[in-house]
């Protein structure tokens, strides 16, 4: 997962406003980092995404939102 895919999945799963708020405010790491802080510290985006999905008790399919092909959903 790339940083851009992280943000696309964040907005896809949670919506732009709520997703940005979660990334900025919700502590997701044992050392007290938010998603934005973890990414800035060099944590791999997929690890951050997985921690965010777990912290929000989101369904498992949300974990793979960055891999869903939008063209298939339209058919």
PDB file of N, CA and C in Angstrom:
ATOM      1  N   UNK A   1       0.845  -1.171   0.000  1.00  0.00           N
ATOM      2  CA  UNK A   1       0.000   0.000   0.000  1.00  0.00           C
ATOM      3  C   UNK A   1       0.892   1.235   0.000  1.00  0.00           C
ATOM      4  N   UNK A   2       0.557   2.176  -0.858  1.00  0.00           N
ATOM      5  CA  UNK A   2       1.254   3.453  -0.926  1.00  0.00           C
ATOM      6  C   UNK A   2       0.524   4.465  -0.043  1.00  0.00           C
ATOM      7  N   UNK A   3       1.178   5.564   0.240  1.00  0.00           N
ATOM      8  CA  UNK A   3       0.532   6.616   1.029  1.00  0.00           C
ATOM      9  C   UNK A   3      -0.737   7.120   0.340  1.00  0.00           C
ATOM     10  N   UNK A   4      -0.682   7.263  -0.965  1.00  0.00           N
ATOM     11  CA  UNK A   4      -1.864   7.740  -1.699  1.00  0.00           C
ATOM     12  C   UNK A   4      -3.008   6.730  -1.599  1.00  0.00           C
ATOM     13  N   UNK A   5      -2.684   5.433  -1.622  1.00  0.00           N
ATOM     14  CA  UNK A   5      -3.718   4.406  -1.474  1.00  0.00           C
ATOM     15  C   UNK A   5      -4.307   4.429  -0.067  1.00  0.00           C
ATOM     16  N   UNK A   6      -3.473   4.720   0.925  1.00  0.00           N
ATOM     17  CA  UNK A   6      -3.960   4.843   2.293  1.00  0.00           C
ATOM     18  C   UNK A   6      -5.036   5.922   2.360  1.00  0.00           C
ATOM     19  N   UNK A   7      -4.747   7.080   1.796  1.00  0.00           N
ATOM     20  CA  UNK A   7      -5.700   8.194   1.879  1.00  0.00           C
ATOM     21  C   UNK A   7      -6.955   7.930   1.046  1.00  0.00           C
ATOM     22  N   UNK A   8      -6.806   7.281  -0.090  1.00  0.00           N
ATOM     23  CA  UNK A   8      -7.986   6.924  -0.885  1.00  0.00           C
ATOM     24  C   UNK A   8      -8.869   5.941  -0.126  1.00  0.00           C
ATOM     25  N   UNK A   9      -8.263   4.934   0.483  1.00  0.00           N
ATOM     26  CA  UNK A   9      -9.031   3.958   1.262  1.00  0.00           C
ATOM     27  C   UNK A   9      -9.668   4.612   2.475  1.00  0.00           C
ATOM     28  N   UNK A  10      -8.936   5.502   3.134  1.00  0.00           N
ATOM     29  CA  UNK A  10      -9.455   6.225   4.294  1.00  0.00           C
ATOM     30  C   UNK A  10     -10.739   6.967   3.933  1.00  0.00           C
ATOM     31  N   UNK A  11     -10.715   7.679   2.824  1.00  0.00           N
ATOM     32  CA  UNK A  11     -11.878   8.452   2.395  1.00  0.00           C
ATOM     33  C   UNK A  11     -12.991   7.552   1.868  1.00  0.00           C
ATOM     34  N   UNK A  12     -12.628   6.451   1.252  1.00  0.00           N
ATOM     35  CA  UNK A  12     -13.615   5.514   0.726  1.00  0.00           C
ATOM     36  C   UNK A  12     -14.392   4.845   1.866  1.00  0.00           C
ATOM     37  N   UNK A  13     -13.694   4.425   2.895  1.00  0.00           N
ATOM     38  CA  UNK A  13     -14.310   3.682   3.993  1.00  0.00           C
ATOM     39  C   UNK A  13     -15.018   4.612   4.981  1.00  0.00           C
ATOM     40  N   UNK A  14     -14.393   5.740   5.313  1.00  0.00           N
ATOM     41  CA  UNK A  14     -14.923   6.593   6.373  1.00  0.00           C
ATOM     42  C   UNK A  14     -15.488   7.924   5.905  1.00  0.00           C
ATOM     43  N   UNK A  15     -15.319   8.253   4.634  1.00  0.00           N
ATOM     44  CA  UNK A  15     -15.705   9.583   4.164  1.00  0.00           C
ATOM     45  C   UNK A  15     -14.553  10.547   4.413  1.00  0.00           C
ATOM     46  N   UNK A  16     -14.501  11.614   3.644  1.00  0.00           N
ATOM     47  CA  UNK A  16     -13.360  12.533   3.712  1.00  0.00           C
ATOM     48  C   UNK A  16     -13.234  13.203   5.082  1.00  0.00           C
ATOM     49  N   UNK A  17     -14.279  13.796   5.573  1.00  0.00           N
ATOM     50  CA  UNK A  17     -14.195  14.555   6.822  1.00  0.00           C
ATOM     51  C   UNK A  17     -13.931  13.659   8.022  1.00  0.00           C
ATOM     52  N   UNK A  18     -14.722  12.599   8.168  1.00  0.00           N
ATOM     53  CA  UNK A  18     -14.549  11.702   9.305  1.00  0.00           C
ATOM     54  C   UNK A  18     -13.218  10.959   9.213  1.00  0.00           C
ATOM     55  N   UNK A  19     -12.853  10.526   8.013  1.00  0.00           N
ATOM     56  CA  UNK A  19     -11.584   9.830   7.822  1.00  0.00           C
ATOM     57  C   UNK A  19     -10.397  10.700   8.194  1.00  0.00           C
ATOM     58  N   UNK A  20     -10.403  11.938   7.741  1.00  0.00           N
ATOM     59  CA  UNK A  20      -9.314  12.854   8.082  1.00  0.00           C
ATOM     60  C   UNK A  20      -9.258  13.100   9.586  1.00  0.00           C
ATOM     61  N   UNK A  21     -10.418  13.180  10.219  1.00  0.00           N
ATOM     62  CA  UNK A  21     -10.480  13.367  11.665  1.00  0.00           C
ATOM     63  C   UNK A  21      -9.906  12.148  12.394  1.00  0.00           C
ATOM     64  N   UNK A  22     -10.283  10.950  11.959  1.00  0.00           N
ATOM     65  CA  UNK A  22      -9.739   9.733  12.566  1.00  0.00           C
ATOM     66  C   UNK A  22      -8.220   9.689  12.438  1.00  0.00           C
ATOM     67  N   UNK A  23      -7.718   9.979  11.251  1.00  0.00           N
ATOM     68  CA  UNK A  23      -6.279   9.919  11.005  1.00  0.00           C
ATOM     69  C   UNK A  23      -5.512  10.924  11.869  1.00  0.00           C
ATOM     70  N   UNK A  24      -6.134  12.047  12.158  1.00  0.00           N
ATOM     71  CA  UNK A  24      -5.467  13.091  12.933  1.00  0.00           C
ATOM     72  C   UNK A  24      -5.620  12.914  14.437  1.00  0.00           C
ATOM     73  N   UNK A  25      -6.708  12.292  14.893  1.00  0.00           N
ATOM     74  CA  UNK A  25      -7.039  12.318  16.316  1.00  0.00           C
ATOM     75  C   UNK A  25      -7.026  10.972  17.039  1.00  0.00           C
ATOM     76  N   UNK A  26      -7.309   9.885  16.346  1.00  0.00           N
ATOM     77  CA  UNK A  26      -7.428   8.585  17.004  1.00  0.00           C
ATOM     78  C   UNK A  26      -6.054   7.944  17.208  1.00  0.00           C
ATOM     79  N   UNK A  27      -5.709   7.656  18.437  1.00  0.00           N
ATOM     80  CA  UNK A  27      -4.443   6.990  18.753  1.00  0.00           C
ATOM     81  C   UNK A  27      -4.582   5.515  18.374  1.00  0.00           C
ATOM     82  N   UNK A  28      -3.645   5.039  17.548  1.00  0.00           N
ATOM     83  CA  UNK A  28      -3.741   3.661  17.038  1.00  0.00           C
ATOM     84  C   UNK A  28      -2.518   2.808  17.333  1.00  0.00           C
ATOM     85  N   UNK A  29      -1.473   3.400  17.901  1.00  0.00           N
ATOM     86  CA  UNK A  29      -0.263   2.624  18.184  1.00  0.00           C
ATOM     87  C   UNK A  29      -0.028   2.556  19.692  1.00  0.00           C
ATOM     88  N   UNK A  30       0.663   1.525  20.128  1.00  0.00           N
ATOM     89  CA  UNK A  30       0.942   1.393  21.566  1.00  0.00           C
ATOM     90  C   UNK A  30       1.732   2.568  22.149  1.00  0.00           C
ATOM     91  N   UNK A  31       2.524   3.235  21.304  1.00  0.00           N
ATOM     92  CA  UNK A  31       3.308   4.367  21.804  1.00  0.00           C
ATOM     93  C   UNK A  31       2.573   5.703  21.669  1.00  0.00           C
ATOM     94  N   UNK A  32       1.266   5.649  21.369  1.00  0.00           N
ATOM     95  CA  UNK A  32       0.429   6.854  21.399  1.00  0.00           C
ATOM     96  C   UNK A  32       0.387   7.685  20.139  1.00  0.00           C
ATOM     97  N   UNK A  33       0.697   7.080  18.997  1.00  0.00           N
ATOM     98  CA  UNK A  33       0.659   7.828  17.737  1.00  0.00           C
ATOM     99  C   UNK A  33      -0.694   7.689  17.046  1.00  0.00           C
ATOM    100  N   UNK A  34      -1.065   8.756  16.361  1.00  0.00           N
ATOM    101  CA  UNK A  34      -2.225   8.708  15.471  1.00  0.00           C
ATOM    102  C   UNK A  34      -1.762   8.150  14.126  1.00  0.00           C
ATOM    103  N   UNK A  35      -2.685   7.912  13.227  1.00  0.00           N
ATOM    104  CA  UNK A  35      -2.315   7.421  11.895  1.00  0.00           C
ATOM    105  C   UNK A  35      -1.396   8.413  11.192  1.00  0.00           C
ATOM    106  N   UNK A  36      -1.722   9.687  11.249  1.00  0.00           N
ATOM    107  CA  UNK A  36      -0.881  10.694  10.597  1.00  0.00           C
ATOM    108  C   UNK A  36       0.520  10.716  11.191  1.00  0.00           C
ATOM    109  N   UNK A  37       0.615  10.621  12.499  1.00  0.00           N
ATOM    110  CA  UNK A  37       1.919  10.621  13.155  1.00  0.00           C
ATOM    111  C   UNK A  37       2.709   9.358  12.822  1.00  0.00           C
ATOM    112  N   UNK A  38       2.038   8.231  12.782  1.00  0.00           N
ATOM    113  CA  UNK A  38       2.705   6.974  12.448  1.00  0.00           C
ATOM    114  C   UNK A  38       3.245   7.001  11.019  1.00  0.00           C
ATOM    115  N   UNK A  39       2.458   7.515  10.095  1.00  0.00           N
ATOM    116  CA  UNK A  39       2.924   7.632   8.710  1.00  0.00           C
ATOM    117  C   UNK A  39       4.116   8.574   8.621  1.00  0.00           C
ATOM    118  N   UNK A  40       4.037   9.697   9.316  1.00  0.00           N
ATOM    119  CA  UNK A  40       5.133  10.677   9.303  1.00  0.00           C
ATOM    120  C   UNK A  40       6.403  10.094   9.921  1.00  0.00           C
ATOM    121  N   UNK A  41       6.238   9.177  10.863  1.00  0.00           N
ATOM    122  CA  UNK A  41       7.384   8.541  11.515  1.00  0.00           C
ATOM    123  C   UNK A  41       7.974   7.409  10.682  1.00  0.00           C
ATOM    124  N   UNK A  42       7.352   7.106   9.537  1.00  0.00           N
ATOM    125  CA  UNK A  42       7.894   6.093   8.639  1.00  0.00           C
ATOM    126  C   UNK A  42       7.246   4.727   8.726  1.00  0.00           C
ATOM    127  N   UNK A  43       6.181   4.588   9.495  1.00  0.00           N
ATOM    128  CA  UNK A  43       5.498   3.301   9.570  1.00  0.00           C
ATOM    129  C   UNK A  43       4.870   2.993   8.208  1.00  0.00           C
ATOM    130  N   UNK A  44       4.948   1.734   7.794  1.00  0.00           N
ATOM    131  CA  UNK A  44       4.408   1.293   6.512  1.00  0.00           C
ATOM    132  C   UNK A  44       2.898   1.566   6.469  1.00  0.00           C
ATOM    133  N   UNK A  45       2.406   2.181   5.387  1.00  0.00           N
ATOM    134  CA  UNK A  45       1.001   2.556   5.317  1.00  0.00           C
ATOM    135  C   UNK A  45       0.010   1.413   5.573  1.00  0.00           C
ATOM    136  N   UNK A  46       0.316   0.196   5.098  1.00  0.00           N
ATOM    137  CA  UNK A  46      -0.626  -0.897   5.343  1.00  0.00           C
ATOM    138  C   UNK A  46      -0.720  -1.231   6.822  1.00  0.00           C
ATOM    139  N   UNK A  47       0.392  -1.187   7.548  1.00  0.00           N
ATOM    140  CA  UNK A  47       0.359  -1.429   8.999  1.00  0.00           C
ATOM    141  C   UNK A  47      -0.489  -0.367   9.695  1.00  0.00           C
ATOM    142  N   UNK A  48      -0.358   0.878   9.256  1.00  0.00           N
ATOM    143  CA  UNK A  48      -1.162   1.966   9.826  1.00  0.00           C
ATOM    144  C   UNK A  48      -2.629   1.737   9.501  1.00  0.00           C
ATOM    145  N   UNK A  49      -2.904   1.369   8.257  1.00  0.00           N
ATOM    146  CA  UNK A  49      -4.286   1.121   7.834  1.00  0.00           C
ATOM    147  C   UNK A  49      -4.903  -0.012   8.645  1.00  0.00           C
ATOM    148  N   UNK A  50      -4.162  -1.102   8.814  1.00  0.00           N
ATOM    149  CA  UNK A  50      -4.670  -2.244   9.578  1.00  0.00           C
ATOM    150  C   UNK A  50      -4.946  -1.841  11.024  1.00  0.00           C
ATOM    151  N   UNK A  51      -4.058  -1.081  11.619  1.00  0.00           N
ATOM    152  CA  UNK A  51      -4.258  -0.620  13.000  1.00  0.00           C
ATOM    153  C   UNK A  51      -5.497   0.268  13.099  1.00  0.00           C
ATOM    154  N   UNK A  52      -5.722   1.098  12.103  1.00  0.00           N
ATOM    155  CA  UNK A  52      -6.898   1.978  12.096  1.00  0.00           C
ATOM    156  C   UNK A  52      -8.182   1.170  11.954  1.00  0.00           C
ATOM    157  N   UNK A  53      -8.173   0.171  11.083  1.00  0.00           N
ATOM    158  CA  UNK A  53      -9.339  -0.688  10.900  1.00  0.00           C
ATOM    159  C   UNK A  53      -9.659  -1.437  12.194  1.00  0.00           C
ATOM    160  N   UNK A  54      -8.638  -1.950  12.856  1.00  0.00           N
ATOM    161  CA  UNK A  54      -8.845  -2.659  14.118  1.00  0.00           C
ATOM    162  C   UNK A  54      -9.352  -1.704  15.193  1.00  0.00           C
ATOM    163  N   UNK A  55      -8.753  -0.529  15.294  1.00  0.00           N
ATOM    164  CA  UNK A  55      -9.132   0.442  16.325  1.00  0.00           C
ATOM    165  C   UNK A  55     -10.569   0.934  16.172  1.00  0.00           C
ATOM    166  N   UNK A  56     -11.058   0.959  14.949  1.00  0.00           N
ATOM    167  CA  UNK A  56     -12.429   1.427  14.708  1.00  0.00           C
ATOM    168  C   UNK A  56     -13.431   0.279  14.641  1.00  0.00           C
ATOM    169  N   UNK A  57     -12.940  -0.948  14.849  1.00  0.00           N
ATOM    170  CA  UNK A  57     -13.796  -2.136  14.815  1.00  0.00           C
ATOM    171  C   UNK A  57     -14.576  -2.220  13.501  1.00  0.00           C
ATOM    172  N   UNK A  58     -13.882  -1.880  12.421  1.00  0.00           N
ATOM    173  CA  UNK A  58     -14.482  -1.922  11.089  1.00  0.00           C
ATOM    174  C   UNK A  58     -14.493  -3.347  10.558  1.00  0.00           C
ATOM    175  N   UNK A  59     -15.387  -3.652   9.612  1.00  0.00           N
ATOM    176  CA  UNK A  59     -15.427  -5.005   9.042  1.00  0.00           C
ATOM    177  C   UNK A  59     -14.132  -5.340   8.304  1.00  0.00           C
ATOM    178  N   UNK A  60     -13.804  -6.621   8.271  1.00  0.00           N
ATOM    179  CA  UNK A  60     -12.548  -7.068   7.667  1.00  0.00           C
ATOM    180  C   UNK A  60     -12.414  -6.654   6.204  1.00  0.00           C
ATOM    181  N   UNK A  61     -13.512  -6.610   5.468  1.00  0.00           N
ATOM    182  CA  UNK A  61     -13.402  -6.228   4.049  1.00  0.00           C
ATOM    183  C   UNK A  61     -12.909  -4.792   3.874  1.00  0.00           C
ATOM    184  N   UNK A  62     -13.074  -3.958   4.885  1.00  0.00           N
ATOM    185  CA  UNK A  62     -12.554  -2.588   4.815  1.00  0.00           C
ATOM    186  C   UNK A  62     -11.034  -2.584   4.730  1.00  0.00           C
ATOM    187  N   UNK A  63     -10.404  -3.618   5.257  1.00  0.00           N
ATOM    188  CA  UNK A  63      -8.949  -3.730   5.219  1.00  0.00           C
ATOM    189  C   UNK A  63      -8.432  -3.729   3.785  1.00  0.00           C
ATOM    190  N   UNK A  64      -9.240  -4.220   2.871  1.00  0.00           N
ATOM    191  CA  UNK A  64      -8.826  -4.356   1.475  1.00  0.00           C
ATOM    192  C   UNK A  64      -9.470  -3.322   0.567  1.00  0.00           C
ATOM    193  N   UNK A  65      -9.980  -2.239   1.111  1.00  0.00           N
ATOM    194  CA  UNK A  65     -10.646  -1.203   0.307  1.00  0.00           C
ATOM    195  C   UNK A  65      -9.728  -0.626  -0.762  1.00  0.00           C
ATOM    196  N   UNK A  66      -8.435  -0.565  -0.504  1.00  0.00           N
ATOM    197  CA  UNK A  66      -7.497  -0.008  -1.481  1.00  0.00           C
ATOM    198  C   UNK A  66      -7.288  -0.923  -2.681  1.00  0.00           C
ATOM    199  N   UNK A  67      -7.748  -2.167  -2.593  1.00  0.00           N
ATOM    200  CA  UNK A  67      -7.578  -3.115  -3.701  1.00  0.00           C
ATOM    201  C   UNK A  67      -8.858  -3.363  -4.483  1.00  0.00           C
ATOM    202  N   UNK A  68      -9.954  -2.794  -4.047  1.00  0.00           N
ATOM    203  CA  UNK A  68     -11.222  -3.007  -4.750  1.00  0.00           C
ATOM    204  C   UNK A  68     -11.225  -2.215  -6.048  1.00  0.00           C
ATOM    205  N   UNK A  69     -11.618  -2.878  -7.097  1.00  0.00           N
ATOM    206  CA  UNK A  69     -11.657  -2.263  -8.416  1.00  0.00           C
ATOM    207  C   UNK A  69     -13.011  -1.588  -8.607  1.00  0.00           C
ATOM    208  N   UNK A  70     -13.004  -0.280  -8.732  1.00  0.00           N
ATOM    209  CA  UNK A  70     -14.244   0.486  -8.882  1.00  0.00           C
ATOM    210  C   UNK A  70     -15.011   0.111 -10.158  1.00  0.00           C
ATOM    211  N   UNK A  71     -14.299  -0.312 -11.186  1.00  0.00           N
ATOM    212  CA  UNK A  71     -14.982  -0.681 -12.439  1.00  0.00           C
ATOM    213  C   UNK A  71     -15.891  -1.879 -12.223  1.00  0.00           C
ATOM    214  N   UNK A  72     -15.462  -2.832 -11.395  1.00  0.00           N
ATOM    215  CA  UNK A  72     -16.275  -4.026 -11.131  1.00  0.00           C
ATOM    216  C   UNK A  72     -17.529  -3.674 -10.351  1.00  0.00           C
ATOM    217  N   UNK A  73     -17.460  -2.687  -9.474  1.00  0.00           N
ATOM    218  CA  UNK A  73     -18.596  -2.305  -8.652  1.00  0.00           C
ATOM    219  C   UNK A  73     -19.701  -1.638  -9.478  1.00  0.00           C
ATOM    220  N   UNK A  74     -19.312  -1.005 -10.600  1.00  0.00           N
ATOM    221  CA  UNK A  74     -20.282  -0.297 -11.430  1.00  0.00           C
ATOM    222  C   UNK A  74     -21.113  -1.232 -12.286  1.00  0.00           C
ATOM    223  N   UNK A  75     -20.621  -2.432 -12.540  1.00  0.00           N
ATOM    224  CA  UNK A  75     -21.340  -3.397 -13.403  1.00  0.00           C
ATOM    225  C   UNK A  75     -22.366  -4.178 -12.653  1.00  0.00           C
TER     226      UNK A  75
END
